[in-house]
N, C-alpha and C. Protein backbone atom coordinates (compact mmCIF):
# COMPACT_ATOMS: atom_id res chain seq x y z
N MET A 1 -14.10 3.80 -4.41
CA MET A 1 -14.48 3.87 -5.94
C MET A 1 -13.15 3.17 -6.53
N SER A 2 -13.54 2.05 -7.35
CA SER A 2 -12.30 1.47 -7.92
C SER A 2 -11.41 2.03 -9.26
N VAL A 3 -12.17 2.89 -9.66
CA VAL A 3 -11.70 3.63 -10.80
C VAL A 3 -11.58 5.09 -10.53
N GLU A 4 -10.44 5.71 -10.39
CA GLU A 4 -10.50 7.43 -10.20
C GLU A 4 -9.76 7.88 -11.07
N TYR A 5 -10.26 8.78 -11.84
CA TYR A 5 -9.38 9.81 -13.01
C TYR A 5 -9.05 11.08 -12.40
N ARG A 6 -7.62 11.19 -12.87
CA ARG A 6 -7.09 12.56 -12.32
C ARG A 6 -6.64 13.07 -13.74
N SER A 7 -6.19 14.19 -13.91
CA SER A 7 -5.82 14.76 -15.30
C SER A 7 -5.23 14.00 -16.30
N ASN A 8 -4.25 13.24 -16.01
CA ASN A 8 -3.56 12.34 -17.01
C ASN A 8 -3.12 10.77 -16.49
N GLN A 9 -4.05 10.83 -15.11
CA GLN A 9 -3.63 9.31 -14.68
C GLN A 9 -4.96 8.69 -13.97
N VAL A 10 -5.00 7.29 -14.02
CA VAL A 10 -6.07 6.78 -13.62
C VAL A 10 -5.74 5.87 -12.43
N LEU A 11 -6.22 5.88 -11.45
CA LEU A 11 -6.10 5.10 -10.33
C LEU A 11 -7.26 3.80 -10.21
N LEU A 12 -6.42 2.88 -10.25
CA LEU A 12 -7.35 1.30 -10.28
C LEU A 12 -7.01 0.67 -8.79
N SER A 13 -8.14 0.62 -7.94
CA SER A 13 -7.98 0.09 -6.83
C SER A 13 -9.33 -0.94 -6.52
N GLY A 14 -9.10 -1.95 -5.45
CA GLY A 14 -9.87 -2.82 -5.26
C GLY A 14 -10.29 -3.78 -6.49
N VAL A 15 -11.20 -4.09 -6.74
CA VAL A 15 -11.84 -4.79 -7.95
C VAL A 15 -12.28 -3.93 -8.98
N VAL A 16 -11.73 -4.15 -10.17
CA VAL A 16 -12.35 -3.35 -11.17
C VAL A 16 -12.73 -4.35 -11.97
N GLY A 17 -14.10 -4.20 -12.44
CA GLY A 17 -14.91 -5.33 -13.02
C GLY A 17 -14.80 -5.00 -14.40
N VAL A 18 -15.65 -5.99 -15.20
CA VAL A 18 -15.99 -5.60 -16.58
C VAL A 18 -16.76 -4.48 -16.77
N GLU A 19 -17.71 -4.07 -16.06
CA GLU A 19 -18.66 -3.23 -16.37
C GLU A 19 -17.66 -1.73 -16.58
N GLN A 20 -16.39 -1.57 -15.90
CA GLN A 20 -15.70 -0.41 -16.22
C GLN A 20 -14.74 -0.38 -17.41
N ALA A 21 -14.73 -1.28 -18.25
CA ALA A 21 -14.14 -1.32 -19.35
C ALA A 21 -14.23 -0.35 -20.28
N GLU A 22 -15.43 -0.42 -20.62
CA GLU A 22 -16.24 1.00 -21.42
C GLU A 22 -15.70 2.50 -21.21
N SER A 23 -15.77 2.65 -19.67
CA SER A 23 -15.60 3.77 -19.36
C SER A 23 -14.13 4.50 -19.44
N ILE A 24 -13.21 3.06 -19.27
CA ILE A 24 -11.91 3.56 -18.82
C ILE A 24 -11.51 3.63 -20.68
N LEU A 25 -11.81 2.75 -21.30
CA LEU A 25 -11.83 2.88 -22.88
C LEU A 25 -12.08 4.33 -23.36
N ASP A 26 -13.23 4.74 -23.20
CA ASP A 26 -13.66 6.17 -23.31
C ASP A 26 -12.65 7.23 -22.98
N TRP A 27 -12.10 7.29 -21.73
CA TRP A 27 -11.37 8.21 -20.84
C TRP A 27 -10.10 8.09 -21.67
N LEU A 28 -9.43 6.72 -21.83
CA LEU A 28 -8.16 6.69 -22.53
C LEU A 28 -7.97 7.53 -23.62
N GLN A 29 -9.10 7.06 -24.56
CA GLN A 29 -9.22 7.85 -26.07
C GLN A 29 -9.27 9.25 -26.08
N GLN A 30 -9.53 9.83 -24.73
CA GLN A 30 -9.68 11.21 -25.05
C GLN A 30 -8.59 11.96 -23.90
N THR A 31 -7.51 11.11 -23.88
CA THR A 31 -6.46 11.67 -22.67
C THR A 31 -5.01 11.38 -23.27
N GLU A 32 -4.26 12.21 -23.05
CA GLU A 32 -2.97 12.13 -23.73
C GLU A 32 -1.95 11.59 -22.62
N ASN A 33 -0.96 10.92 -22.98
CA ASN A 33 0.21 10.54 -21.89
C ASN A 33 -0.33 10.08 -20.37
N VAL A 34 -0.81 9.09 -20.69
CA VAL A 34 -2.11 8.70 -19.57
C VAL A 34 -0.61 7.78 -18.57
N LYS A 35 -1.03 7.74 -17.39
CA LYS A 35 -0.35 7.05 -16.49
C LYS A 35 -1.17 6.03 -15.83
N VAL A 36 -1.08 4.92 -15.47
CA VAL A 36 -1.97 3.86 -14.65
C VAL A 36 -1.55 3.41 -13.16
N ASP A 37 -1.76 3.69 -12.05
CA ASP A 37 -1.48 3.54 -10.84
C ASP A 37 -2.36 2.50 -10.20
N MET A 38 -1.82 1.14 -10.11
CA MET A 38 -2.29 -0.20 -9.72
C MET A 38 -2.13 -0.62 -8.50
N SER A 39 -1.27 0.35 -7.47
CA SER A 39 -0.64 0.12 -6.45
C SER A 39 -1.77 -0.57 -5.22
N ALA A 40 -3.09 0.00 -5.43
CA ALA A 40 -3.97 -0.54 -4.55
C ALA A 40 -4.94 -1.54 -5.30
N LEU A 41 -4.79 -2.12 -6.38
CA LEU A 41 -5.60 -3.03 -7.20
C LEU A 41 -5.31 -4.37 -6.64
N GLU A 42 -6.66 -5.30 -6.34
CA GLU A 42 -6.84 -6.35 -5.80
C GLU A 42 -7.10 -7.33 -7.11
N HIS A 43 -7.83 -7.07 -7.89
CA HIS A 43 -8.60 -7.89 -9.11
C HIS A 43 -8.73 -7.00 -10.28
N LEU A 44 -8.28 -7.12 -11.42
CA LEU A 44 -8.67 -6.81 -12.61
C LEU A 44 -9.10 -7.59 -13.92
N HIS A 45 -10.36 -7.20 -14.11
CA HIS A 45 -10.99 -8.08 -15.23
C HIS A 45 -10.04 -8.05 -16.44
N THR A 46 -10.26 -9.00 -17.21
CA THR A 46 -9.21 -9.42 -18.24
C THR A 46 -9.69 -8.30 -19.58
N ALA A 47 -10.94 -7.75 -19.60
CA ALA A 47 -11.41 -6.88 -20.49
C ALA A 47 -10.72 -5.56 -20.42
N ASN A 48 -10.20 -5.35 -18.93
CA ASN A 48 -9.65 -4.18 -18.67
C ASN A 48 -8.19 -4.21 -18.86
N VAL A 49 -7.78 -5.35 -18.50
CA VAL A 49 -6.29 -5.54 -18.90
C VAL A 49 -6.15 -5.45 -20.82
N GLN A 50 -7.08 -5.81 -21.42
CA GLN A 50 -6.90 -5.69 -22.97
C GLN A 50 -7.20 -4.47 -23.35
N VAL A 51 -7.69 -3.30 -22.49
CA VAL A 51 -7.93 -2.06 -22.95
C VAL A 51 -6.62 -1.63 -22.61
N LEU A 52 -6.11 -1.59 -21.22
CA LEU A 52 -5.08 -1.27 -20.97
C LEU A 52 -3.56 -1.51 -21.99
N ALA A 53 -3.57 -2.74 -22.57
CA ALA A 53 -2.84 -3.15 -23.39
C ALA A 53 -2.84 -2.63 -24.56
N ALA A 54 -4.00 -2.47 -24.96
CA ALA A 54 -4.24 -1.76 -26.56
C ALA A 54 -3.95 -0.37 -26.47
N ALA A 55 -4.00 0.46 -25.60
CA ALA A 55 -3.92 1.70 -25.26
C ALA A 55 -2.34 2.06 -25.16
N LYS A 56 -1.65 0.98 -24.64
CA LYS A 56 0.04 1.10 -24.44
C LYS A 56 0.11 2.17 -23.43
N VAL A 57 -0.68 2.42 -22.34
CA VAL A 57 -0.44 3.15 -21.14
C VAL A 57 0.85 2.80 -20.28
N ARG A 58 1.39 3.83 -19.71
CA ARG A 58 2.42 3.86 -18.93
C ARG A 58 1.94 3.27 -17.51
N VAL A 59 2.58 2.35 -16.85
CA VAL A 59 2.18 1.96 -15.52
C VAL A 59 3.03 2.48 -14.59
N SER A 60 2.50 3.44 -13.70
CA SER A 60 3.21 4.35 -12.59
C SER A 60 3.68 3.31 -11.29
N ALA A 61 2.78 2.21 -11.09
CA ALA A 61 2.80 1.82 -9.74
C ALA A 61 1.95 0.39 -9.98
N TRP A 62 2.86 -0.76 -9.81
CA TRP A 62 2.18 -2.05 -10.04
C TRP A 62 1.44 -2.52 -8.66
N PRO A 63 0.41 -3.77 -8.82
CA PRO A 63 -0.11 -4.25 -7.55
C PRO A 63 0.68 -4.65 -6.57
N GLN A 64 0.29 -4.41 -5.13
CA GLN A 64 1.33 -5.12 -4.29
C GLN A 64 1.08 -6.57 -4.33
N ASP A 65 -0.15 -7.08 -4.55
CA ASP A 65 -0.30 -8.62 -4.72
C ASP A 65 0.52 -8.94 -5.76
N MET A 66 1.65 -10.29 -5.32
CA MET A 66 2.44 -10.60 -6.20
C MET A 66 1.97 -11.47 -7.15
N GLN A 67 0.87 -12.17 -7.14
CA GLN A 67 0.49 -12.89 -8.36
C GLN A 67 -0.15 -12.07 -9.34
N LEU A 68 -0.86 -11.09 -8.87
CA LEU A 68 -1.50 -9.91 -9.69
C LEU A 68 -0.38 -9.37 -10.59
N ASN A 69 0.38 -8.73 -9.56
CA ASN A 69 1.63 -8.08 -9.94
C ASN A 69 2.53 -8.69 -11.40
N LYS A 70 2.87 -9.86 -11.12
CA LYS A 70 3.45 -10.96 -12.11
C LYS A 70 2.74 -10.81 -13.39
N PHE A 71 1.25 -11.46 -13.18
CA PHE A 71 0.28 -11.57 -14.24
C PHE A 71 0.41 -10.26 -15.11
N LEU A 72 0.04 -9.14 -14.53
CA LEU A 72 -0.13 -7.96 -15.29
C LEU A 72 1.48 -7.37 -15.98
N GLN A 73 2.57 -7.59 -15.18
CA GLN A 73 3.75 -7.19 -15.71
C GLN A 73 4.10 -8.35 -17.08
N SER A 74 3.63 -9.26 -17.23
CA SER A 74 4.06 -10.34 -18.23
C SER A 74 3.17 -9.72 -19.45
N ILE A 75 1.95 -9.05 -19.16
CA ILE A 75 1.30 -8.43 -20.41
C ILE A 75 1.57 -6.82 -20.53
N LEU A 76 1.55 -6.35 -19.59
CA LEU A 76 1.87 -4.65 -19.91
C LEU A 76 3.46 -4.30 -19.56
N THR A 77 4.46 -5.13 -19.70
CA THR A 77 5.64 -4.74 -19.20
C THR A 77 6.08 -3.64 -20.14
N ASN A 78 5.86 -3.57 -21.42
CA ASN A 78 6.09 -2.64 -22.50
C ASN A 78 5.71 -1.31 -22.18
N ASN A 79 4.75 -1.39 -21.39
CA ASN A 79 4.06 -0.12 -21.08
C ASN A 79 4.54 0.83 -19.75
N CYS A 80 5.46 0.06 -19.01
CA CYS A 80 6.18 0.51 -17.98
C CYS A 80 7.11 1.71 -18.29
N GLN A 81 7.12 2.66 -17.12
CA GLN A 81 7.86 3.67 -17.21
C GLN A 81 9.17 3.31 -17.65
């Protein structure tokens, strides 16, 4: 599974495509103090990047892939713990 929801944490792994953007947004709107774990993430569609940036979630773990890591940190750096 590429998106796994836990009480106030969402785990993003593998490839998270555009089709997950709406469900991630819905969950974020219903959940407080959210943290995002992207340690196993390989690809994140830009629609999801926009959702995470708009929600101002805290990132608890960045992707291991350095290119993806740098890209996401450049956009979501204010969301870091």
